[in-house]
C-alpha cells in the first residue's frame, strides 16, 4: 500500500446500496490526492466499487488471506473541469 489513508470505509459487515451511496458522497467531498481505503470481503466487489468512485485511481490492492478480506486504496485525482462555488464568479451565471 502507498500511504496511510485519509479515509477508511469498511464494507466487510454489509455492502448495501446506501453504503455505496455514502462512499460516492465521500469521494465528492475528498480533496485531490487524498486517499480512501475500502475494506471488503470479496475482491470482485471491490472492483465494482471503482465504478461508483469516478475521479479516483486505484493505488493498491492487498488481499489478506488469514483475515479473509481485501484492502483497496484509491486516490482522488484532480479534476480541471470542476468549479468550486467559493471560486465561482457570479457574473458568469
Protein backbone atom coordinates (compact mmCIF):
# COMPACT_ATOMS: atom_id res chain seq x y z
CA UNK A 1 0.00 0.00 0.00
CA UNK A 2 1.07 3.55 -0.67
CA UNK A 3 0.50 5.61 2.49
CA UNK A 4 -1.80 5.87 5.44
CA UNK A 5 -5.28 6.65 4.06
CA UNK A 6 -7.16 9.84 4.84
CA UNK A 7 -10.47 7.92 4.94
CA UNK A 8 -11.39 4.28 5.60
CA UNK A 9 -14.67 2.58 4.74
CA UNK A 10 -15.19 -0.97 5.98
CA UNK A 11 -17.71 -2.93 3.89
CA UNK A 12 -16.96 -6.32 5.50
CA UNK A 13 -20.18 -6.43 7.50
CA UNK A 14 -22.58 -5.07 4.90
CA UNK A 15 -22.49 -3.76 1.39
CA UNK A 16 -25.81 -2.10 0.64
CA UNK A 17 -26.87 0.49 -1.92
CA UNK A 18 -26.94 3.06 0.90
CA UNK A 19 -23.34 2.33 1.87
CA UNK A 20 -22.28 2.61 -1.78
CA UNK A 21 -24.08 5.95 -1.99
CA UNK A 22 -22.24 7.09 1.12
CA UNK A 23 -18.93 6.11 -0.44
CA UNK A 24 -19.76 8.11 -3.57
CA UNK A 25 -20.64 11.15 -1.47
CA UNK A 26 -17.40 10.83 0.48
CA UNK A 27 -15.38 10.81 -2.75
CA UNK A 28 -17.09 14.02 -3.85
CA UNK A 29 -16.04 15.68 -0.58
CA UNK A 30 -12.44 14.49 -0.78
CA UNK A 31 -9.69 16.83 -1.94
CA UNK A 32 -7.34 15.91 -4.79
CA UNK A 33 -4.58 13.46 -3.80
CA UNK A 34 -6.38 12.29 -0.66
CA UNK A 35 -6.51 8.52 -0.14
CA UNK A 36 -9.56 6.38 0.50
CA UNK A 37 -9.19 2.84 1.74
CA UNK A 38 -12.08 0.43 1.22
CA UNK A 39 -12.15 -2.92 3.01
CA UNK A 40 -14.30 -5.70 1.53
CA UNK A 41 -14.56 -9.47 1.88
CA UNK A 42 -14.75 -10.16 -1.86
CA UNK A 43 -12.09 -8.63 -4.17
CA UNK A 44 -14.57 -8.66 -7.07
CA UNK A 45 -16.92 -6.40 -5.11
CA UNK A 46 -14.01 -4.09 -4.52
CA UNK A 47 -13.51 -3.68 -8.23
CA UNK A 48 -17.20 -2.81 -8.58
CA UNK A 49 -16.66 -0.05 -6.03
CA UNK A 50 -14.31 1.58 -8.55
CA UNK A 51 -17.31 2.08 -10.82
CA UNK A 52 -19.04 4.29 -8.25
CA UNK A 53 -15.95 6.36 -7.46
CA UNK A 54 -15.33 8.42 -10.59
CA UNK A 55 -12.30 10.64 -10.42
CA UNK A 56 -10.36 8.10 -8.37
CA UNK A 57 -7.47 5.92 -9.38
CA UNK A 58 -6.55 2.54 -7.94
CA UNK A 59 -3.34 2.92 -5.93
CA UNK A 60 -3.10 -0.50 -4.37
CA UNK A 61 -4.94 -3.71 -3.63
CA UNK A 62 -3.95 -6.13 -0.91
CA UNK A 63 -5.55 -9.48 -0.12
CA UNK A 64 -5.23 -10.72 3.47
CA UNK A 65 -5.88 -14.47 3.26
CA UNK A 66 -5.54 -15.06 7.00
CA UNK A 67 -8.21 -12.50 7.91
CA UNK A 68 -10.17 -13.12 4.67
CA UNK A 69 -10.57 -9.55 3.44
CA UNK A 70 -9.33 -7.29 0.68
CA UNK A 71 -8.00 -3.78 1.20
CA UNK A 72 -8.31 -1.38 -1.76
CA UNK A 73 -6.69 2.03 -1.79
CA UNK A 74 -7.94 4.80 -4.09
CA UNK A 75 -6.53 8.26 -4.70
CA UNK A 76 -8.72 11.14 -5.80
CA UNK A 77 -7.33 12.81 -8.90
CA UNK A 78 -7.52 16.49 -9.75
CA UNK A 79 -10.43 17.45 -11.93
CA UNK A 80 -9.80 20.54 -14.04
CA UNK A 81 -13.44 20.64 -15.20
CA UNK A 82 -14.95 21.23 -11.77
CA UNK A 83 -15.83 24.66 -10.49
CA UNK A 84 -15.81 25.42 -6.82
CA UNK A 85 -18.72 27.59 -5.70
CA UNK A 86 -16.33 29.51 -3.48
CA UNK A 87 -14.20 30.47 -6.50
CA UNK A 88 -17.07 30.95 -8.95
CA UNK A 89 -17.69 34.36 -10.47
CA UNK A 90 -21.39 35.20 -10.02
CA UNK A 91 -21.31 37.27 -13.21
CA UNK A 92 -20.79 34.06 -15.22
CA UNK A 93 -24.11 32.61 -14.07
